[in-house]
C-alpha atoms as a PDB file:
ATOM      1  CA  MET A   1     107.662  16.126  38.051  1.00  0.00           C
ATOM      2  CA  PHE A   2     111.406  16.798  37.935  1.00  0.00           C
ATOM      3  CA  LYS A   3     113.511  13.849  39.089  1.00  0.00           C
ATOM      4  CA  LEU A   4     117.226  13.824  39.890  1.00  0.00           C
ATOM      5  CA  ASP A   5     119.506  11.476  37.989  1.00  0.00           C
ATOM      6  CA  ARG A   6     121.302   9.673  40.825  1.00  0.00           C
ATOM      7  CA  THR A   7     123.550   7.740  38.446  1.00  0.00           C
ATOM      8  CA  ALA A   8     125.422  10.882  37.366  1.00  0.00           C
ATOM      9  CA  HIS A   9     127.220  11.436  40.689  1.00  0.00           C
ATOM     10  CA  SER A  10     128.447   9.313  43.529  1.00  0.00           C
ATOM     11  CA  SER A  11     129.455  10.241  47.058  1.00  0.00           C
ATOM     12  CA  GLY A  12     132.211   7.667  46.951  1.00  0.00           C
ATOM     13  CA  LYS A  13     133.283   4.963  49.339  1.00  0.00           C
ATOM     14  CA  ILE A  14     135.031   5.409  52.665  1.00  0.00           C
ATOM     15  CA  THR A  15     138.067   3.515  51.340  1.00  0.00           C
ATOM     16  CA  ASP A  16     138.458   5.988  48.467  1.00  0.00           C
ATOM     17  CA  PHE A  17     138.780   8.881  50.914  1.00  0.00           C
ATOM     18  CA  LYS A  18     141.711   7.201  52.664  1.00  0.00           C
ATOM     19  CA  LYS A  19     143.577   6.884  49.366  1.00  0.00           C
ATOM     20  CA  GLU A  20     142.999  10.580  48.630  1.00  0.00           C
ATOM     21  CA  SER A  21     144.131  11.726  52.070  1.00  0.00           C
ATOM     22  CA  ASP A  22     147.416   9.798  51.793  1.00  0.00           C
ATOM     23  CA  ASN A  23     148.651  12.448  49.345  1.00  0.00           C
ATOM     24  CA  TYR A  24     148.229  15.250  51.885  1.00  0.00           C
ATOM     25  CA  LYS A  25     148.922  13.804  55.336  1.00  0.00           C
ATOM     26  CA  ASN A  26     152.688  14.476  55.288  1.00  0.00           C
ATOM     27  CA  LEU A  27     152.396  18.117  54.176  1.00  0.00           C
ATOM     28  CA  ASP A  28     152.778  21.074  56.539  1.00  0.00           C
ATOM     29  CA  LEU A  29     150.123  23.783  56.922  1.00  0.00           C
ATOM     30  CA  LYS A  30     151.788  26.175  54.475  1.00  0.00           C
ATOM     31  CA  GLN A  31     151.775  23.581  51.682  1.00  0.00           C
ATOM     32  CA  ILE A  32     148.158  22.639  52.430  1.00  0.00           C
ATOM     33  CA  GLY A  33     147.228  26.339  52.291  1.00  0.00           C
ATOM     34  CA  GLU A  34     148.885  26.713  48.886  1.00  0.00           C
ATOM     35  CA  ILE A  35     146.993  23.694  47.558  1.00  0.00           C
ATOM     36  CA  PHE A  36     143.745  25.043  49.017  1.00  0.00           C
ATOM     37  CA  SER A  37     144.215  28.460  47.425  1.00  0.00           C
ATOM     38  CA  TYR A  38     145.008  26.846  44.064  1.00  0.00           C
ATOM     39  CA  LEU A  39     141.883  24.670  44.208  1.00  0.00           C
ATOM     40  CA  GLN A  40     139.755  27.692  45.122  1.00  0.00           C
ATOM     41  CA  SER A  41     141.183  29.674  42.216  1.00  0.00           C
ATOM     42  CA  VAL A  42     140.315  26.858  39.840  1.00  0.00           C
ATOM     43  CA  SER A  43     136.790  26.428  41.194  1.00  0.00           C
ATOM     44  CA  TYR A  44     135.966  30.161  41.214  1.00  0.00           C
ATOM     45  CA  ASN A  45     137.914  30.929  38.028  1.00  0.00           C
ATOM     46  CA  TYR A  46     140.389  33.617  39.115  1.00  0.00           C
ATOM     47  CA  PRO A  47     144.201  33.821  38.903  1.00  0.00           C
ATOM     48  CA  VAL A  48     146.045  32.302  41.874  1.00  0.00           C
ATOM     49  CA  ASP A  49     148.098  35.436  42.506  1.00  0.00           C
ATOM     50  CA  LYS A  50     145.034  37.750  42.487  1.00  0.00           C
ATOM     51  CA  PRO A  51     142.375  36.391  44.856  1.00  0.00           C
ATOM     52  CA  ILE A  52     138.860  37.799  44.760  1.00  0.00           C
ATOM     53  CA  LYS A  53     138.132  40.516  47.304  1.00  0.00           C
ATOM     54  CA  MET A  54     134.732  41.289  48.761  1.00  0.00           C
ATOM     55  CA  ASP A  55     133.238  44.625  47.722  1.00  0.00           C
ATOM     56  CA  LYS A  56     132.799  46.242  51.132  1.00  0.00           C
ATOM     57  CA  SER A  57     131.359  49.454  49.713  1.00  0.00           C
ATOM     58  CA  PHE A  58     127.955  47.764  49.496  1.00  0.00           C
ATOM     59  CA  PHE A  59     127.693  47.373  53.271  1.00  0.00           C
ATOM     60  CA  THR A  60     127.495  50.289  55.692  1.00  0.00           C
ATOM     61  CA  MET A  61     127.702  50.696  59.449  1.00  0.00           C
ATOM     62  CA  ARG A  62     125.192  52.873  61.288  1.00  0.00           C
END
């Protein structure tokens, strides 16, 4: 039977999250949005200035 390797990943500790949030708590919403869009572009592998758009031609209204 397939078994997950639980040593490969860790959910982290609650104290680690506080250290990470210290970098972002003094930023305004525009700066947080820019960081968010950059991180999304890295994770989904597209250029920051050209976000992915949903192909709406697949869906139809009746």
